[in-house]
Amino acid sequence: MLSWEMRSYRVAREQTGRPVFFDRGVPDTLGYLRLSGLPVPQHVSSAAERFRYHQRVFVAPPWPEIFAPDEERKQTPDEAERTYHALAGVYTELGYELVPLPLAPVEERLRFVLAEAGLA
């Protein structure tokens, strides 16, 4: 997972002049290790410090109203809640500002993200 996120980061950096939004990032690896109760190797912590994203990070809090397991989302609501808090904690520790997405239809969330990113 870490090497994939580092690769995605590097590829995006090569695309100059265009904003890029990530669904996952290097710090997620650290969060998933902690969530699983596994030790965090030094190279993972170092990568999370080195591969920096924009200061403001959009996060989608777990929303029971729209939660539905499917082929992509296999977590239970409880697992999703724990995952959210683990990942949000890591991003906060790394100095990112978390911007929660509104509980709204997709188009409204898109408008929100574009406006918050200064792209609307």
Foldseek 3Di string as FASTA:
>chain_A
DLVVQVVVLVVVVVPPPDDDADPDHLLLVVLVCVLVVHDDDPVSVVVPLVSDDPQEHEDEAQDPVPDDDDPVRNDDSVSSNSSRVSSVVSSVVSRHHYDYFDPDDPVVSVVVVCVVVVND
